[in-house]
């Protein structure tokens, strides 16, 4: 990042730290945070435009992609090797993994690509320890496994902070805000819900760092940080699961306390021993669930359903998505579909393209000839 921009960001961070937050200063702090977010965005754009050959050359394959992130020597490579048929180098020293190593987890008919990423360290968001390449890979995955050592649980906070600085939001959804830019008229703020964290002045103050003329409609009760995320263009929203490794070396009462503390912080947790293959079946199931994958068993007209090779879709997807998954002609020539299973009101229900499918539905698609 440009040193002048880094200096400005540091000055803003210092000012925020020194400013006591109260009713009189909250608008000023909100504007400072917005300015800092905009500067980081400018710095990232300059950095990416000047960088060549950055990032890992990994082609996404399968039904979903999962990235394993954590500090060096936490057991990421061992876990990848246990979950997949990959051969990621394992060592008892830091930075054994220097590239992103892919493997394929086959579970419940789904093919899930797992990436073993190089160890993340403090300062990764600023490029330390191949941090830029790691975070670039992180931004493209569907699920993150935040892997921590049972003896270094505090590493989780460092990982979350580095990802936060880099614009990665874990287990959050994109704020429901509509921003309509215009050529004149200034900033006009509307909301469809009561706002408990923001007022019109603060919204305008934050927005003015990014836009000059716009109609802004807030459709949920947001914090100032969430509003800033709405304007910043480098934000990605990714599901995350905390994986505690080496739990075979920790007393059970300490482990229960660890998990309880993480649950209080609203983390989903899976405790394992990658080396001893403990609780890996539970981890596989949690990966499947957190990816929100569903299995659809296709039943050709007049034939039996194929339960051996399900079609893999995501929760909330429809018959239209299933058609496109097969071939675009199925969507173009669609007549109707019949559904048996959890989403059907009755066996063999006749449905249209908009019908939302559920896990383990049986589906027949009828097209015009």
Protein backbone atom coordinates (compact mmCIF):
# COMPACT_ATOMS: atom_id res chain seq x y z
CA UNK A 1 0.00 0.00 0.00
CA UNK A 2 1.11 3.58 -0.75
CA UNK A 3 3.15 4.87 2.22
CA UNK A 4 1.29 8.20 2.20
CA UNK A 5 -2.02 6.37 2.44
CA UNK A 6 -0.67 4.12 5.20
CA UNK A 7 0.39 7.23 7.09
CA UNK A 8 -3.06 8.79 6.75
CA UNK A 9 -4.72 5.57 7.93
CA UNK A 10 -2.39 5.39 10.94
CA UNK A 11 -3.21 9.01 11.84
CA UNK A 12 -6.94 8.27 11.66
CA UNK A 13 -6.54 5.11 13.76
CA UNK A 14 -4.67 7.13 16.40
CA UNK A 15 -7.34 9.83 16.41
CA UNK A 16 -10.14 7.28 16.81
CA UNK A 17 -8.23 5.60 19.64
CA UNK A 18 -7.73 8.92 21.46
CA UNK A 19 -11.32 10.12 20.98
CA UNK A 20 -13.72 9.13 23.74
CA UNK A 21 -16.92 7.88 22.14
CA UNK A 22 -20.08 9.62 23.31
CA UNK A 23 -23.12 11.33 21.83
CA UNK A 24 -21.10 14.43 20.98
CA UNK A 25 -18.31 12.59 19.15
CA UNK A 26 -20.10 9.63 17.52
CA UNK A 27 -20.71 11.47 14.21
CA UNK A 28 -17.05 12.51 14.03
CA UNK A 29 -15.87 8.95 14.74
CA UNK A 30 -18.27 7.56 12.14
CA UNK A 31 -16.87 9.95 9.52
CA UNK A 32 -13.30 9.02 10.47
CA UNK A 33 -14.09 5.31 10.07
CA UNK A 34 -15.65 5.98 6.67
CA UNK A 35 -12.62 7.98 5.56
CA UNK A 36 -10.31 5.18 6.72
CA UNK A 37 -12.34 2.59 4.79
CA UNK A 38 -12.17 4.74 1.64
CA UNK A 39 -8.39 5.19 1.99
CA UNK A 40 -7.91 1.43 2.41
CA UNK A 41 -9.97 0.87 -0.71
CA UNK A 42 -7.86 3.36 -2.69
CA UNK A 43 -4.69 1.71 -1.38
CA UNK A 44 -5.92 -1.76 -2.39
CA UNK A 45 -6.78 -0.56 -5.90
CA UNK A 46 -3.33 1.00 -6.37
CA UNK A 47 -1.66 -2.10 -5.01
CA UNK A 48 -3.63 -4.49 -7.25
CA UNK A 49 -3.06 -2.36 -10.36
CA UNK A 50 0.70 -2.34 -9.76
CA UNK A 51 1.03 -6.00 -8.76
CA UNK A 52 1.71 -8.68 -11.34
CA UNK A 53 1.60 -12.42 -10.87
CA UNK A 54 0.11 -12.17 -7.40
CA UNK A 55 -2.17 -14.87 -6.05
CA UNK A 56 -2.26 -18.66 -6.20
CA UNK A 57 -3.07 -20.35 -9.49
CA UNK A 58 -5.91 -22.59 -8.30
CA UNK A 59 -8.84 -23.50 -10.53
CA UNK A 60 -12.11 -23.82 -8.64
CA UNK A 61 -13.73 -27.21 -9.21
CA UNK A 62 -16.50 -29.26 -7.65
CA UNK A 63 -19.76 -28.15 -6.07
CA UNK A 64 -18.18 -25.74 -3.55
CA UNK A 65 -14.78 -24.52 -2.32
CA UNK A 66 -13.59 -24.49 1.30
CA UNK A 67 -10.44 -22.74 2.51
CA UNK A 68 -8.47 -23.77 5.61
CA UNK A 69 -6.84 -20.75 7.28
CA UNK A 70 -4.82 -20.56 10.46
CA UNK A 71 -1.43 -19.76 11.91
CA UNK A 72 1.59 -21.79 10.75
CA UNK A 73 1.92 -25.36 12.05
CA UNK A 74 -1.65 -25.56 13.34
CA UNK A 75 -2.31 -28.79 11.40
CA UNK A 76 -3.92 -27.53 8.18
CA UNK A 77 -1.95 -29.86 5.91
CA UNK A 78 -2.66 -32.88 8.10
CA UNK A 79 -6.37 -32.07 8.02
CA UNK A 80 -6.39 -31.69 4.23
CA UNK A 81 -4.67 -35.05 3.83
CA UNK A 82 -7.18 -36.73 6.17
CA UNK A 83 -10.24 -35.22 4.50
CA UNK A 84 -9.11 -35.73 0.91
CA UNK A 85 -6.71 -37.71 -1.23
CA UNK A 86 -4.36 -34.72 -1.44
CA UNK A 87 -0.68 -34.94 -0.56
CA UNK A 88 0.08 -31.71 1.26
CA UNK A 89 3.54 -31.65 2.83
CA UNK A 90 3.44 -31.97 6.63
CA UNK A 91 6.17 -30.73 8.95
CA UNK A 92 6.72 -29.70 12.56
CA UNK A 93 8.07 -26.29 11.60
CA UNK A 94 6.46 -23.04 10.45
CA UNK A 95 5.59 -22.30 6.80
CA UNK A 96 5.75 -25.90 5.57
CA UNK A 97 2.98 -24.98 3.10
CA UNK A 98 4.17 -22.25 0.73
CA UNK A 99 1.44 -22.58 -1.91
CA UNK A 100 -2.30 -23.25 -1.87
CA UNK A 101 -2.73 -27.03 -1.99
CA UNK A 102 -6.09 -28.33 -3.29
CA UNK A 103 -7.83 -31.59 -2.47
CA UNK A 104 -11.31 -32.99 -3.10
CA UNK A 105 -13.66 -34.11 -0.32
CA UNK A 106 -16.40 -36.44 -1.56
CA UNK A 107 -19.32 -36.48 0.85
CA UNK A 108 -23.00 -37.35 0.39
CA UNK A 109 -22.63 -37.18 -3.37
CA UNK A 110 -21.05 -33.72 -3.27
CA UNK A 111 -17.54 -32.91 -4.48
CA UNK A 112 -16.11 -30.23 -2.21
CA UNK A 113 -12.77 -28.63 -3.06
CA UNK A 114 -10.62 -28.05 0.04
CA UNK A 115 -7.72 -25.58 -0.08
CA UNK A 116 -4.82 -25.78 2.37
CA UNK A 117 -3.58 -22.18 2.46
CA UNK A 118 -0.17 -21.00 3.75
CA UNK A 119 -0.10 -19.96 7.40
CA UNK A 120 -1.56 -16.58 8.26
CA UNK A 121 0.33 -14.29 10.62
CA UNK A 122 -0.25 -10.93 12.28
CA UNK A 123 0.12 -8.31 9.54
CA UNK A 124 -1.23 -10.58 6.80
CA UNK A 125 -3.67 -7.87 5.70
CA UNK A 126 -0.64 -5.68 4.95
CA UNK A 127 1.12 -8.40 2.97
CA UNK A 128 3.29 -10.10 5.61
CA UNK A 129 3.95 -13.81 5.16
CA UNK A 130 2.27 -14.03 1.73
CA UNK A 131 -0.75 -12.50 3.40
CA UNK A 132 -2.03 -10.80 0.24
CA UNK A 133 -2.06 -14.06 -1.70
CA UNK A 134 -3.75 -15.90 1.17
CA UNK A 135 -6.45 -13.26 1.56
CA UNK A 136 -6.98 -13.14 -2.20
CA UNK A 137 -7.66 -16.89 -2.13
CA UNK A 138 -9.89 -16.53 0.94
CA UNK A 139 -12.12 -14.02 -0.85
CA UNK A 140 -13.15 -16.60 -3.47
CA UNK A 141 -14.15 -19.52 -1.22
CA UNK A 142 -17.65 -20.52 -0.11
CA UNK A 143 -16.67 -21.51 3.45
CA UNK A 144 -13.70 -20.86 5.72
CA UNK A 145 -12.39 -23.30 8.28
CA UNK A 146 -10.68 -21.11 10.90
CA UNK A 147 -8.24 -23.63 12.33
CA UNK A 148 -6.71 -22.95 15.72
CA UNK A 149 -4.46 -24.91 18.05
CA UNK A 150 -6.13 -25.98 21.30
CA UNK A 151 -3.19 -24.35 23.10
CA UNK A 152 -3.45 -21.05 21.18
CA UNK A 153 -7.14 -20.24 21.07
CA UNK A 154 -6.37 -16.49 21.07
CA UNK A 155 -5.08 -16.86 17.51
CA UNK A 156 -8.71 -16.75 16.39
CA UNK A 157 -8.97 -13.06 17.28
CA UNK A 158 -5.86 -12.27 15.22
CA UNK A 159 -7.20 -14.18 12.20
CA UNK A 160 -10.57 -12.45 12.43
CA UNK A 161 -8.91 -9.03 12.73
CA UNK A 162 -6.67 -9.55 9.69
CA UNK A 163 -9.64 -10.68 7.60
CA UNK A 164 -11.75 -7.79 8.91
CA UNK A 165 -9.12 -5.24 7.84
CA UNK A 166 -8.98 -6.90 4.40
CA UNK A 167 -12.74 -6.50 3.94
CA UNK A 168 -13.75 -10.10 4.68
CA UNK A 169 -16.89 -10.36 6.81
CA UNK A 170 -17.42 -13.68 8.56
CA UNK A 171 -20.89 -15.11 9.25
CA UNK A 172 -22.56 -11.85 8.31
CA UNK A 173 -25.01 -11.01 5.57
CA UNK A 174 -24.75 -8.09 3.20
CA UNK A 175 -26.55 -5.06 4.68
CA UNK A 176 -29.98 -4.43 3.20
CA UNK A 177 -29.47 -0.93 1.82
CA UNK A 178 -30.52 0.51 -1.53
CA UNK A 179 -28.22 3.24 -2.90
CA UNK A 180 -29.40 5.05 -6.01
CA UNK A 181 -26.80 7.46 -7.34
CA UNK A 182 -27.98 10.59 -9.14
CA UNK A 183 -26.44 13.64 -10.81
CA UNK A 184 -27.73 16.30 -8.40
CA UNK A 185 -29.83 16.81 -5.27
CA UNK A 186 -27.35 15.84 -2.57
CA UNK A 187 -27.85 12.90 -0.21
CA UNK A 188 -31.41 11.95 0.73
CA UNK A 189 -31.89 9.36 3.50
CA UNK A 190 -34.95 7.15 4.02
CA UNK A 191 -35.54 4.09 6.19
CA UNK A 192 -38.24 1.44 6.26
CA UNK A 193 -37.43 0.38 9.84
CA UNK A 194 -36.69 2.26 13.10
CA UNK A 195 -32.96 3.04 13.41
CA UNK A 196 -31.43 2.55 16.87
CA UNK A 197 -27.73 2.99 15.99
CA UNK A 198 -27.79 5.71 13.33
CA UNK A 199 -29.53 9.00 12.68
CA UNK A 200 -29.92 10.90 9.41
CA UNK A 201 -26.94 13.17 10.10
CA UNK A 202 -24.60 10.23 10.70
CA UNK A 203 -25.80 8.43 7.57
CA UNK A 204 -25.15 11.56 5.51
CA UNK A 205 -21.77 12.11 7.18
CA UNK A 206 -20.62 8.57 6.37
CA UNK A 207 -22.14 8.55 2.89
CA UNK A 208 -20.46 11.84 1.95
CA UNK A 209 -17.07 10.10 2.04
CA UNK A 210 -18.18 7.89 -0.86
CA UNK A 211 -20.92 9.66 -2.82
CA UNK A 212 -22.05 13.23 -3.47
CA UNK A 213 -25.58 12.74 -4.78
CA UNK A 214 -27.64 9.67 -3.88
CA UNK A 215 -30.94 8.42 -2.51
CA UNK A 216 -30.21 6.01 0.36
CA UNK A 217 -32.87 3.67 1.75
CA UNK A 218 -32.02 1.60 4.84
CA UNK A 219 -34.18 -1.51 5.05
CA UNK A 220 -32.72 -2.87 8.29
CA UNK A 221 -31.37 -1.46 11.57
CA UNK A 222 -27.63 -1.05 10.85
CA UNK A 223 -24.58 -0.04 12.85
CA UNK A 224 -22.13 2.55 11.50
CA UNK A 225 -19.67 -0.20 10.56
CA UNK A 226 -22.33 -2.05 8.56
CA UNK A 227 -23.26 1.16 6.76
CA UNK A 228 -19.62 1.78 5.85
CA UNK A 229 -19.44 -1.78 4.50
CA UNK A 230 -22.36 -0.95 2.22
CA UNK A 231 -20.38 1.76 0.45
CA UNK A 232 -17.00 0.01 0.38
CA UNK A 233 -16.63 -2.06 -2.78
CA UNK A 234 -14.14 -4.63 -1.49
CA UNK A 235 -16.37 -6.39 1.05
CA UNK A 236 -17.09 -10.12 0.79
CA UNK A 237 -19.37 -12.13 3.07
CA UNK A 238 -18.25 -15.68 3.85
CA UNK A 239 -19.51 -18.40 6.19
CA UNK A 240 -16.94 -19.59 8.73
CA UNK A 241 -16.54 -22.56 11.07
CA UNK A 242 -13.97 -22.66 13.88
CA UNK A 243 -11.97 -25.90 13.98
CA UNK A 244 -10.04 -26.55 17.20
CA UNK A 245 -7.21 -29.01 16.51
CA UNK A 246 -5.03 -31.17 18.80
CA UNK A 247 -7.89 -31.62 21.26
CA UNK A 248 -6.55 -35.08 22.15
CA UNK A 249 -3.79 -33.27 24.10
CA UNK A 250 -6.14 -31.12 26.19
CA UNK A 251 -8.08 -32.01 29.34
CA UNK A 252 -11.80 -32.40 28.59
CA UNK A 253 -12.91 -29.79 31.14
CA UNK A 254 -10.59 -27.20 29.56
CA UNK A 255 -11.86 -28.12 26.10
CA UNK A 256 -15.50 -27.72 27.17
CA UNK A 257 -14.66 -24.31 28.63
CA UNK A 258 -12.94 -23.30 25.37
CA UNK A 259 -15.93 -24.33 23.27
CA UNK A 260 -18.33 -22.58 25.64
CA UNK A 261 -16.37 -19.31 25.35
CA UNK A 262 -16.46 -19.51 21.57
CA UNK A 263 -20.18 -20.30 21.54
CA UNK A 264 -20.77 -17.20 23.66
CA UNK A 265 -19.10 -15.22 20.88
CA UNK A 266 -21.52 -16.89 18.43
CA UNK A 267 -18.93 -19.07 16.73
CA UNK A 268 -19.86 -22.50 15.43
CA UNK A 269 -17.15 -24.88 16.63
CA UNK A 270 -15.89 -28.34 15.72
CA UNK A 271 -13.22 -29.89 17.98
CA UNK A 272 -10.94 -32.46 16.30
CA UNK A 273 -7.60 -34.19 16.29
CA UNK A 274 -6.49 -34.24 12.66
CA UNK A 275 -3.49 -36.45 13.43
CA UNK A 276 -5.58 -39.08 15.23
CA UNK A 277 -8.64 -38.72 12.94
CA UNK A 278 -10.87 -37.84 15.89
CA UNK A 279 -14.29 -36.31 15.13
CA UNK A 280 -13.57 -35.93 11.41
CA UNK A 281 -16.95 -37.44 10.45
CA UNK A 282 -18.65 -34.67 12.42
CA UNK A 283 -16.45 -32.09 10.68
CA UNK A 284 -17.42 -33.45 7.26
CA UNK A 285 -21.10 -33.13 8.18
CA UNK A 286 -20.58 -29.59 9.49
CA UNK A 287 -18.82 -28.59 6.26
CA UNK A 288 -21.76 -29.94 4.25
CA UNK A 289 -24.31 -28.12 6.44
CA UNK A 290 -22.43 -24.79 6.51
CA UNK A 291 -22.17 -24.84 2.72
CA UNK A 292 -25.98 -25.16 2.68
CA UNK A 293 -25.80 -27.92 0.09
CA UNK A 294 -28.84 -30.01 -0.81
CA UNK A 295 -29.14 -33.29 -2.71
CA UNK A 296 -31.70 -33.65 -5.49
CA UNK A 297 -32.34 -37.14 -6.87
CA UNK A 298 -33.36 -37.03 -10.52
CA UNK A 299 -36.14 -39.32 -11.77
CA UNK A 300 -36.44 -39.54 -15.56
CA UNK A 301 -40.00 -39.83 -16.88
CA UNK A 302 -41.23 -43.41 -16.49
CA UNK A 303 -38.06 -44.58 -14.75
CA UNK A 304 -36.75 -45.04 -11.20
CA UNK A 305 -34.98 -42.27 -9.32
CA UNK A 306 -31.17 -42.27 -9.32
CA UNK A 307 -30.10 -42.30 -5.67
CA UNK A 308 -26.42 -42.91 -6.45
CA UNK A 309 -25.47 -39.58 -8.04
CA UNK A 310 -27.53 -36.69 -6.69
CA UNK A 311 -27.57 -33.25 -8.24
CA UNK A 312 -25.99 -30.84 -5.75
CA UNK A 313 -27.67 -27.45 -5.31
CA UNK A 314 -27.80 -24.80 -2.57
CA UNK A 315 -30.56 -24.16 -0.06
CA UNK A 316 -33.16 -21.82 -1.53
CA UNK A 317 -32.54 -22.86 -5.12
CA UNK A 318 -35.46 -23.72 -7.38
CA UNK A 319 -36.56 -26.03 -10.17
CA UNK A 320 -35.27 -23.36 -12.56
CA UNK A 321 -31.79 -23.73 -11.05
CA UNK A 322 -32.02 -27.51 -11.44
CA UNK A 323 -32.93 -27.07 -15.12
CA UNK A 324 -29.98 -24.76 -15.74
CA UNK A 325 -27.71 -27.17 -13.88
CA UNK A 326 -28.57 -29.89 -16.42
CA UNK A 327 -28.61 -27.74 -19.57
CA UNK A 328 -30.03 -24.38 -20.55
CA UNK A 329 -32.38 -26.14 -23.01
CA UNK A 330 -34.17 -27.73 -20.04
CA UNK A 331 -35.02 -24.25 -18.80
CA UNK A 332 -35.97 -22.96 -22.24
CA UNK A 333 -38.20 -25.97 -23.08
CA UNK A 334 -39.61 -26.52 -19.58
CA UNK A 335 -43.27 -27.67 -19.30
CA UNK A 336 -43.59 -28.74 -15.67
CA UNK A 337 -41.88 -30.76 -12.93
CA UNK A 338 -43.03 -33.37 -10.43
CA UNK A 339 -41.59 -33.48 -6.92
CA UNK A 340 -41.55 -36.14 -4.22
CA UNK A 341 -40.00 -35.45 -0.83
CA UNK A 342 -39.61 -32.70 1.79
CA UNK A 343 -40.63 -29.78 -0.47
CA UNK A 344 -43.73 -31.47 -1.90
CA UNK A 345 -47.19 -30.92 -0.43
CA UNK A 346 -48.09 -34.40 -1.66
CA UNK A 347 -46.32 -37.21 -3.48
CA UNK A 348 -45.60 -36.31 -7.10
CA UNK A 349 -46.73 -32.69 -6.75
CA UNK A 350 -46.79 -30.86 -10.08
CA UNK A 351 -44.75 -27.65 -9.79
CA UNK A 352 -43.30 -24.82 -11.87
CA UNK A 353 -39.88 -23.25 -12.27
CA UNK A 354 -40.21 -21.11 -9.13
CA UNK A 355 -40.72 -24.08 -6.77
CA UNK A 356 -38.05 -24.08 -4.01
CA UNK A 357 -36.38 -27.47 -3.60
CA UNK A 358 -35.24 -29.12 -0.37
CA UNK A 359 -32.60 -31.69 0.56
CA UNK A 360 -33.38 -35.22 -0.69
CA UNK A 361 -36.20 -34.19 -3.00
CA UNK A 362 -36.89 -36.49 -5.95
CA UNK A 363 -37.42 -34.48 -9.14
CA UNK A 364 -38.80 -35.22 -12.60
CA UNK A 365 -38.51 -32.50 -15.24
CA UNK A 366 -40.80 -32.63 -18.28
CA UNK A 367 -39.82 -30.62 -21.36
CA UNK A 368 -41.37 -30.01 -24.76
CA UNK A 369 -40.00 -32.17 -27.54
